[in-house]
Amino acid sequence: MNQAENLNEQYKITIKDRHTVAGEVSESTTQLFGDLNIAKNGYTIRFDEHEGDFAGTTTKIFVIEPNSSVRLSRGGSYGLDIVLEKGKRHNCAYDTPYGRLQMGVYAKKIDSKMNEDGGNLKFAYSLDIGGGEVSDNELEVTVKEVKQKEKE
């Protein structure tokens, strides 16, 4: 996955994330542009990363409706492939420049309301490594169709 995928970037995507590690909470908000493709059984949100360690990679979020699963994938030095199903734990891989990290992902919540104009996806999950919980995470992804002049 890379920028050569020629995204149309017809949607403004706002990602709010909150991570709790050892009682310490960190929050951030990122805004960027990408695509939304609605299918019969769900949708895909796709965007290019432009900053930090993820710059030059494409992130994809696949959602199977109604609120049954989310798959988050990214290529590059920090490649990621996470599957979330509410109430289930999955083993997933996270690539780093130092090697591949195997972790468990347990989805606590998946809420989605999306159509061709955009919408909202919220999900919460915990990560564990070697059976020990590492973090609690919440993401809210807001998608809004934009006009070309809004992007400039």
N, C-alpha and C. Protein backbone atom coordinates (compact mmCIF):
# COMPACT_ATOMS: atom_id res chain seq x y z
N MET A 1 0.85 -1.17 0.00
CA MET A 1 0.00 0.00 0.00
C MET A 1 0.89 1.23 0.00
N ASN A 2 0.63 2.12 -0.92
CA ASN A 2 1.39 3.36 -0.95
C ASN A 2 0.59 4.45 -1.60
N GLN A 3 1.21 5.63 -1.73
CA GLN A 3 0.49 6.76 -2.28
C GLN A 3 0.15 6.56 -3.75
N ALA A 4 0.75 5.62 -4.42
CA ALA A 4 0.48 5.38 -5.83
C ALA A 4 -0.94 4.87 -6.06
N GLU A 5 -1.70 4.66 -5.00
CA GLU A 5 -3.08 4.18 -5.15
C GLU A 5 -4.01 5.27 -5.66
N ASN A 6 -3.52 6.51 -5.80
CA ASN A 6 -4.28 7.63 -6.36
C ASN A 6 -5.65 7.81 -5.72
N LEU A 7 -5.63 8.20 -4.48
CA LEU A 7 -6.88 8.46 -3.78
C LEU A 7 -7.56 9.69 -4.35
N ASN A 8 -8.88 9.65 -4.42
CA ASN A 8 -9.65 10.80 -4.90
C ASN A 8 -9.75 11.89 -3.84
N GLU A 9 -9.59 11.52 -2.57
CA GLU A 9 -9.62 12.46 -1.46
C GLU A 9 -10.85 13.36 -1.50
N GLN A 10 -12.01 12.77 -1.63
CA GLN A 10 -13.26 13.50 -1.68
C GLN A 10 -13.91 13.66 -0.31
N TYR A 11 -13.25 13.17 0.73
CA TYR A 11 -13.82 13.20 2.07
C TYR A 11 -12.81 13.74 3.07
N LYS A 12 -13.30 14.56 3.99
CA LYS A 12 -12.48 15.02 5.11
C LYS A 12 -12.63 13.98 6.21
N ILE A 13 -11.53 13.49 6.72
CA ILE A 13 -11.53 12.45 7.73
C ILE A 13 -10.88 13.01 8.99
N THR A 14 -11.61 12.96 10.08
CA THR A 14 -11.09 13.41 11.37
C THR A 14 -10.99 12.19 12.28
N ILE A 15 -9.81 11.97 12.82
CA ILE A 15 -9.57 10.82 13.69
C ILE A 15 -9.21 11.33 15.08
N LYS A 16 -10.05 10.99 16.04
CA LYS A 16 -9.77 11.31 17.44
C LYS A 16 -9.41 10.01 18.11
N ASP A 17 -8.24 9.97 18.74
CA ASP A 17 -7.86 8.75 19.43
C ASP A 17 -7.48 9.05 20.87
N ARG A 18 -7.74 8.06 21.68
CA ARG A 18 -7.45 8.15 23.12
C ARG A 18 -6.84 6.81 23.53
N HIS A 19 -5.67 6.88 24.14
CA HIS A 19 -4.96 5.67 24.57
C HIS A 19 -4.65 5.79 26.06
N THR A 20 -4.91 4.73 26.79
CA THR A 20 -4.60 4.68 28.21
C THR A 20 -3.59 3.56 28.43
N VAL A 21 -2.41 3.95 28.92
CA VAL A 21 -1.33 3.00 29.19
C VAL A 21 -0.87 3.23 30.62
N ALA A 22 -0.96 2.21 31.45
CA ALA A 22 -0.54 2.29 32.85
C ALA A 22 -1.16 3.50 33.55
N GLY A 23 -2.43 3.76 33.28
CA GLY A 23 -3.14 4.85 33.92
C GLY A 23 -2.90 6.21 33.29
N GLU A 24 -1.96 6.33 32.38
CA GLU A 24 -1.66 7.59 31.70
C GLU A 24 -2.49 7.67 30.42
N VAL A 25 -3.22 8.78 30.25
CA VAL A 25 -4.09 8.96 29.08
C VAL A 25 -3.43 9.93 28.10
N SER A 26 -3.42 9.56 26.83
CA SER A 26 -2.98 10.48 25.78
C SER A 26 -4.07 10.55 24.73
N GLU A 27 -4.27 11.76 24.22
CA GLU A 27 -5.30 11.99 23.21
C GLU A 27 -4.72 12.79 22.07
N SER A 28 -5.25 12.57 20.88
CA SER A 28 -4.84 13.37 19.73
C SER A 28 -5.97 13.41 18.71
N THR A 29 -5.90 14.42 17.86
CA THR A 29 -6.86 14.56 16.76
C THR A 29 -6.07 14.81 15.49
N THR A 30 -6.41 14.08 14.43
CA THR A 30 -5.76 14.22 13.13
C THR A 30 -6.83 14.47 12.09
N GLN A 31 -6.58 15.43 11.19
CA GLN A 31 -7.49 15.68 10.08
C GLN A 31 -6.73 15.49 8.78
N LEU A 32 -7.36 14.78 7.85
CA LEU A 32 -6.77 14.55 6.54
C LEU A 32 -7.87 14.28 5.54
N PHE A 33 -7.50 14.00 4.31
CA PHE A 33 -8.47 13.74 3.26
C PHE A 33 -8.26 12.34 2.71
N GLY A 34 -9.37 11.71 2.28
CA GLY A 34 -9.29 10.36 1.76
C GLY A 34 -10.56 9.98 1.04
N ASP A 35 -10.78 8.68 0.92
CA ASP A 35 -11.92 8.13 0.19
C ASP A 35 -12.83 7.34 1.11
N LEU A 36 -14.09 7.26 0.70
CA LEU A 36 -15.08 6.41 1.33
C LEU A 36 -15.77 5.64 0.23
N ASN A 37 -15.77 4.32 0.34
CA ASN A 37 -16.45 3.47 -0.64
C ASN A 37 -17.49 2.62 0.09
N ILE A 38 -18.75 2.84 -0.27
CA ILE A 38 -19.85 2.10 0.34
C ILE A 38 -20.12 0.85 -0.50
N ALA A 39 -20.24 -0.28 0.17
CA ALA A 39 -20.57 -1.55 -0.49
C ALA A 39 -21.85 -2.10 0.12
N LYS A 40 -22.33 -3.19 -0.44
CA LYS A 40 -23.59 -3.79 0.02
C LYS A 40 -23.54 -4.18 1.50
N ASN A 41 -22.41 -4.73 1.95
CA ASN A 41 -22.32 -5.24 3.31
C ASN A 41 -21.44 -4.40 4.23
N GLY A 42 -21.08 -3.18 3.81
CA GLY A 42 -20.25 -2.35 4.66
C GLY A 42 -19.58 -1.23 3.88
N TYR A 43 -18.41 -0.84 4.30
CA TYR A 43 -17.71 0.26 3.63
C TYR A 43 -16.21 0.22 3.94
N THR A 44 -15.46 1.00 3.14
CA THR A 44 -14.02 1.14 3.33
C THR A 44 -13.68 2.63 3.38
N ILE A 45 -12.90 3.01 4.38
CA ILE A 45 -12.32 4.34 4.48
C ILE A 45 -10.85 4.18 4.15
N ARG A 46 -10.34 5.04 3.29
CA ARG A 46 -8.94 4.91 2.86
C ARG A 46 -8.30 6.29 2.84
N PHE A 47 -7.10 6.41 3.40
CA PHE A 47 -6.41 7.69 3.40
C PHE A 47 -4.90 7.49 3.42
N ASP A 48 -4.20 8.49 2.90
CA ASP A 48 -2.74 8.50 2.91
C ASP A 48 -2.24 9.20 4.16
N GLU A 49 -1.23 8.64 4.76
CA GLU A 49 -0.56 9.27 5.90
C GLU A 49 0.49 10.22 5.34
N HIS A 50 0.60 11.43 5.92
CA HIS A 50 1.54 12.42 5.40
C HIS A 50 2.59 12.87 6.41
N GLU A 51 2.45 12.46 7.66
CA GLU A 51 3.36 12.96 8.68
C GLU A 51 3.90 11.83 9.54
N GLY A 52 5.02 12.10 10.18
CA GLY A 52 5.59 11.19 11.16
C GLY A 52 6.06 9.87 10.56
N ASP A 53 6.09 8.86 11.41
CA ASP A 53 6.58 7.54 11.01
C ASP A 53 5.73 6.88 9.94
N PHE A 54 4.47 7.29 9.82
CA PHE A 54 3.56 6.66 8.86
C PHE A 54 3.54 7.36 7.51
N ALA A 55 4.27 8.45 7.33
CA ALA A 55 4.25 9.22 6.08
C ALA A 55 4.54 8.30 4.89
N GLY A 56 3.75 8.48 3.83
CA GLY A 56 3.95 7.71 2.61
C GLY A 56 3.22 6.38 2.58
N THR A 57 2.42 6.09 3.60
CA THR A 57 1.67 4.84 3.60
C THR A 57 0.18 5.13 3.46
N THR A 58 -0.56 4.12 3.05
CA THR A 58 -2.01 4.22 2.94
C THR A 58 -2.63 3.36 4.03
N THR A 59 -3.58 3.93 4.75
CA THR A 59 -4.30 3.20 5.78
C THR A 59 -5.70 2.91 5.26
N LYS A 60 -6.18 1.70 5.52
CA LYS A 60 -7.52 1.29 5.12
C LYS A 60 -8.27 0.77 6.34
N ILE A 61 -9.51 1.20 6.45
CA ILE A 61 -10.40 0.72 7.50
C ILE A 61 -11.60 0.08 6.80
N PHE A 62 -11.72 -1.25 6.95
CA PHE A 62 -12.84 -2.00 6.36
C PHE A 62 -13.86 -2.25 7.46
N VAL A 63 -15.12 -1.93 7.21
CA VAL A 63 -16.16 -2.14 8.20
C VAL A 63 -17.23 -3.02 7.57
N ILE A 64 -17.56 -4.11 8.26
CA ILE A 64 -18.66 -4.97 7.82
C ILE A 64 -19.84 -4.62 8.69
N GLU A 65 -20.94 -4.27 8.06
CA GLU A 65 -22.14 -3.83 8.77
C GLU A 65 -23.05 -5.02 9.05
N PRO A 66 -23.96 -4.96 9.94
CA PRO A 66 -24.12 -3.85 10.88
C PRO A 66 -23.22 -4.04 12.10
N ASN A 67 -22.26 -3.19 12.27
CA ASN A 67 -21.37 -3.12 13.44
C ASN A 67 -20.77 -4.47 13.84
N SER A 68 -20.47 -5.31 12.84
CA SER A 68 -19.98 -6.64 13.23
C SER A 68 -18.46 -6.75 13.26
N SER A 69 -17.74 -6.03 12.39
CA SER A 69 -16.28 -6.11 12.48
C SER A 69 -15.62 -4.91 11.80
N VAL A 70 -14.38 -4.65 12.24
CA VAL A 70 -13.54 -3.60 11.68
C VAL A 70 -12.18 -4.22 11.43
N ARG A 71 -11.62 -3.95 10.26
CA ARG A 71 -10.25 -4.38 9.96
C ARG A 71 -9.45 -3.15 9.60
N LEU A 72 -8.37 -2.92 10.31
CA LEU A 72 -7.51 -1.78 10.11
C LEU A 72 -6.19 -2.29 9.54
N SER A 73 -5.79 -1.79 8.36
CA SER A 73 -4.53 -2.26 7.77
C SER A 73 -3.72 -1.10 7.24
N ARG A 74 -2.39 -1.25 7.32
CA ARG A 74 -1.45 -0.25 6.84
C ARG A 74 -0.16 -0.98 6.45
N GLY A 75 0.48 -0.50 5.41
CA GLY A 75 1.76 -1.07 5.00
C GLY A 75 2.91 -0.25 5.55
N GLY A 76 4.11 -0.49 5.04
CA GLY A 76 5.26 0.32 5.41
C GLY A 76 6.01 -0.20 6.62
N SER A 77 6.92 0.63 7.13
CA SER A 77 7.77 0.26 8.26
C SER A 77 6.96 -0.01 9.52
N TYR A 78 5.80 0.61 9.62
CA TYR A 78 4.91 0.39 10.76
C TYR A 78 3.62 -0.26 10.27
N GLY A 79 3.77 -1.36 9.54
CA GLY A 79 2.63 -2.08 8.99
C GLY A 79 1.74 -2.63 10.09
N LEU A 80 0.47 -2.71 9.77
CA LEU A 80 -0.50 -3.09 10.76
C LEU A 80 -1.62 -3.89 10.11
N ASP A 81 -2.11 -4.89 10.80
CA ASP A 81 -3.27 -5.64 10.35
C ASP A 81 -4.02 -6.09 11.60
N ILE A 82 -5.08 -5.33 11.94
CA ILE A 82 -5.86 -5.59 13.14
C ILE A 82 -7.29 -5.93 12.75
N VAL A 83 -7.83 -6.97 13.35
CA VAL A 83 -9.23 -7.34 13.16
C VAL A 83 -9.94 -7.18 14.49
N LEU A 84 -11.06 -6.46 14.45
CA LEU A 84 -11.86 -6.21 15.66
C LEU A 84 -13.26 -6.76 15.46
N GLU A 85 -13.68 -7.61 16.38
CA GLU A 85 -15.06 -8.10 16.43
C GLU A 85 -15.50 -7.97 17.88
N LYS A 86 -16.60 -7.28 18.09
CA LYS A 86 -17.05 -7.01 19.45
C LYS A 86 -17.16 -8.28 20.27
N GLY A 87 -16.51 -8.24 21.44
CA GLY A 87 -16.56 -9.37 22.36
C GLY A 87 -15.61 -10.51 22.03
N LYS A 88 -14.75 -10.32 21.02
CA LYS A 88 -13.82 -11.38 20.63
C LYS A 88 -12.39 -10.86 20.67
N ARG A 89 -11.45 -11.77 20.92
CA ARG A 89 -10.03 -11.46 20.91
C ARG A 89 -9.40 -12.08 19.66
N HIS A 90 -8.58 -11.28 18.97
CA HIS A 90 -7.86 -11.77 17.79
C HIS A 90 -6.37 -11.53 17.98
N ASN A 91 -5.56 -12.42 17.45
CA ASN A 91 -4.12 -12.20 17.39
C ASN A 91 -3.82 -11.42 16.12
N CYS A 92 -3.01 -10.39 16.25
CA CYS A 92 -2.71 -9.51 15.13
C CYS A 92 -1.22 -9.19 15.10
N ALA A 93 -0.79 -8.65 13.97
CA ALA A 93 0.62 -8.31 13.79
C ALA A 93 0.81 -6.81 13.61
N TYR A 94 1.88 -6.30 14.21
CA TYR A 94 2.26 -4.90 14.07
C TYR A 94 3.74 -4.88 13.72
N ASP A 95 4.06 -4.41 12.52
CA ASP A 95 5.45 -4.35 12.08
C ASP A 95 6.08 -3.04 12.54
N THR A 96 7.31 -3.13 13.02
CA THR A 96 8.08 -1.95 13.38
C THR A 96 9.44 -2.07 12.70
N PRO A 97 10.21 -1.00 12.65
CA PRO A 97 11.55 -1.10 12.08
C PRO A 97 12.44 -2.09 12.85
N TYR A 98 12.01 -2.47 14.06
CA TYR A 98 12.80 -3.38 14.91
C TYR A 98 12.32 -4.81 14.83
N GLY A 99 11.25 -5.06 14.07
CA GLY A 99 10.73 -6.41 13.93
C GLY A 99 9.22 -6.45 14.11
N ARG A 100 8.67 -7.63 13.95
CA ARG A 100 7.22 -7.83 14.04
C ARG A 100 6.82 -8.12 15.48
N LEU A 101 5.74 -7.47 15.89
CA LEU A 101 5.21 -7.64 17.23
C LEU A 101 3.86 -8.33 17.11
N GLN A 102 3.71 -9.45 17.80
CA GLN A 102 2.43 -10.15 17.84
C GLN A 102 1.68 -9.68 19.07
N MET A 103 0.41 -9.36 18.89
CA MET A 103 -0.38 -8.85 20.01
C MET A 103 -1.81 -9.35 19.91
N GLY A 104 -2.47 -9.32 21.04
CA GLY A 104 -3.88 -9.66 21.10
C GLY A 104 -4.70 -8.39 21.10
N VAL A 105 -5.84 -8.43 20.40
CA VAL A 105 -6.73 -7.28 20.31
C VAL A 105 -8.13 -7.75 20.70
N TYR A 106 -8.71 -7.06 21.69
CA TYR A 106 -10.05 -7.41 22.16
C TYR A 106 -10.96 -6.21 21.97
N ALA A 107 -11.97 -6.35 21.11
CA ALA A 107 -12.89 -5.24 20.82
C ALA A 107 -13.97 -5.16 21.89
N LYS A 108 -14.11 -3.96 22.46
CA LYS A 108 -15.13 -3.73 23.48
C LYS A 108 -16.37 -3.07 22.91
N LYS A 109 -16.19 -2.28 21.85
CA LYS A 109 -17.32 -1.54 21.28
C LYS A 109 -17.05 -1.26 19.81
N ILE A 110 -18.09 -1.37 18.99
CA ILE A 110 -18.06 -0.95 17.59
C ILE A 110 -19.40 -0.30 17.30
N ASP A 111 -19.39 0.99 16.97
CA ASP A 111 -20.60 1.71 16.60
C ASP A 111 -20.34 2.43 15.29
N SER A 112 -21.24 2.25 14.33
CA SER A 112 -21.03 2.82 13.01
C SER A 112 -22.34 3.34 12.42
N LYS A 113 -22.26 4.54 11.88
CA LYS A 113 -23.36 5.11 11.10
C LYS A 113 -22.72 5.81 9.91
N MET A 114 -22.81 5.20 8.73
CA MET A 114 -22.11 5.71 7.56
C MET A 114 -23.00 5.58 6.33
N ASN A 115 -22.94 6.60 5.45
CA ASN A 115 -23.58 6.55 4.14
C ASN A 115 -22.70 7.30 3.15
N GLU A 116 -23.16 7.50 1.93
CA GLU A 116 -22.34 8.12 0.88
C GLU A 116 -21.88 9.53 1.22
N ASP A 117 -22.61 10.23 2.09
CA ASP A 117 -22.25 11.58 2.49
C ASP A 117 -21.22 11.61 3.61
N GLY A 118 -21.02 10.47 4.26
CA GLY A 118 -20.10 10.38 5.38
C GLY A 118 -20.79 9.80 6.59
N GLY A 119 -20.21 10.05 7.75
CA GLY A 119 -20.79 9.52 8.97
C GLY A 119 -19.75 9.39 10.05
N ASN A 120 -19.98 8.42 10.94
CA ASN A 120 -19.14 8.29 12.12
C ASN A 120 -18.91 6.82 12.44
N LEU A 121 -17.68 6.50 12.83
CA LEU A 121 -17.30 5.16 13.28
C LEU A 121 -16.57 5.32 14.60
N LYS A 122 -17.03 4.60 15.62
CA LYS A 122 -16.37 4.61 16.93
C LYS A 122 -16.08 3.16 17.31
N PHE A 123 -14.88 2.94 17.80
CA PHE A 123 -14.58 1.62 18.33
C PHE A 123 -13.59 1.73 19.48
N ALA A 124 -13.71 0.79 20.41
CA ALA A 124 -12.85 0.73 21.58
C ALA A 124 -12.30 -0.69 21.68
N TYR A 125 -11.04 -0.79 22.08
CA TYR A 125 -10.39 -2.10 22.16
C TYR A 125 -9.22 -2.05 23.13
N SER A 126 -8.82 -3.21 23.60
CA SER A 126 -7.63 -3.32 24.42
C SER A 126 -6.59 -4.13 23.66
N LEU A 127 -5.32 -3.82 23.94
CA LEU A 127 -4.19 -4.54 23.35
C LEU A 127 -3.47 -5.30 24.45
N ASP A 128 -3.06 -6.53 24.15
CA ASP A 128 -2.23 -7.27 25.10
C ASP A 128 -1.06 -7.90 24.37
N ILE A 129 0.03 -8.03 25.09
CA ILE A 129 1.23 -8.69 24.56
C ILE A 129 1.63 -9.73 25.58
N GLY A 130 1.78 -10.97 25.12
CA GLY A 130 2.14 -12.05 26.02
C GLY A 130 1.12 -12.28 27.11
N GLY A 131 -0.15 -11.97 26.83
CA GLY A 131 -1.21 -12.19 27.80
C GLY A 131 -1.41 -11.06 28.78
N GLY A 132 -0.52 -10.07 28.79
CA GLY A 132 -0.67 -8.93 29.70
C GLY A 132 -1.20 -7.71 28.97
N GLU A 133 -2.25 -7.09 29.53
CA GLU A 133 -2.84 -5.94 28.86
C GLU A 133 -1.85 -4.78 28.83
N VAL A 134 -1.73 -4.16 27.66
CA VAL A 134 -0.79 -3.06 27.46
C VAL A 134 -1.52 -1.72 27.43
N SER A 135 -2.67 -1.66 26.75
CA SER A 135 -3.38 -0.38 26.64
C SER A 135 -4.85 -0.59 26.34
N ASP A 136 -5.61 0.45 26.69
CA ASP A 136 -7.01 0.58 26.28
C ASP A 136 -7.05 1.70 25.27
N ASN A 137 -7.81 1.51 24.19
CA ASN A 137 -7.81 2.46 23.09
C ASN A 137 -9.23 2.74 22.62
N GLU A 138 -9.45 4.00 22.27
CA GLU A 138 -10.73 4.41 21.69
C GLU A 138 -10.43 5.26 20.46
N LEU A 139 -11.09 4.97 19.36
CA LEU A 139 -10.96 5.78 18.15
C LEU A 139 -12.33 6.21 17.69
N GLU A 140 -12.41 7.44 17.24
CA GLU A 140 -13.61 7.97 16.60
C GLU A 140 -13.19 8.53 15.26
N VAL A 141 -13.76 8.00 14.20
CA VAL A 141 -13.44 8.42 12.84
C VAL A 141 -14.69 9.08 12.27
N THR A 142 -14.57 10.37 11.94
CA THR A 142 -15.66 11.12 11.35
C THR A 142 -15.32 11.39 9.89
N VAL A 143 -16.24 11.07 9.00
CA VAL A 143 -16.04 11.22 7.56
C VAL A 143 -17.08 12.18 7.03
N LYS A 144 -16.63 13.17 6.24
CA LYS A 144 -17.55 14.16 5.69
C LYS A 144 -17.16 14.46 4.25
N GLU A 145 -18.14 14.33 3.35
CA GLU A 145 -17.89 14.65 1.94
C GLU A 145 -17.61 16.15 1.85
N VAL A 146 -16.61 16.51 1.02
CA VAL A 146 -16.24 17.92 0.88
C VAL A 146 -16.22 18.33 -0.58
N LYS A 147 -16.37 19.62 -0.78
CA LYS A 147 -16.22 20.20 -2.12
C LYS A 147 -14.73 20.46 -2.33
N GLN A 148 -14.31 20.53 -3.57
CA GLN A 148 -12.89 20.73 -3.88
C GLN A 148 -12.32 21.97 -3.19
N LYS A 149 -13.03 23.07 -3.17
CA LYS A 149 -12.49 24.31 -2.60
C LYS A 149 -12.28 24.21 -1.09
N GLU A 150 -13.00 23.31 -0.41
CA GLU A 150 -12.81 23.12 1.03
C GLU A 150 -11.47 22.49 1.34
N LYS A 151 -10.90 21.74 0.41
CA LYS A 151 -9.64 21.05 0.62
C LYS A 151 -8.45 21.97 0.51
N GLU A 152 -8.61 23.09 -0.16
CA GLU A 152 -7.47 23.96 -0.44
C GLU A 152 -7.17 24.90 0.71
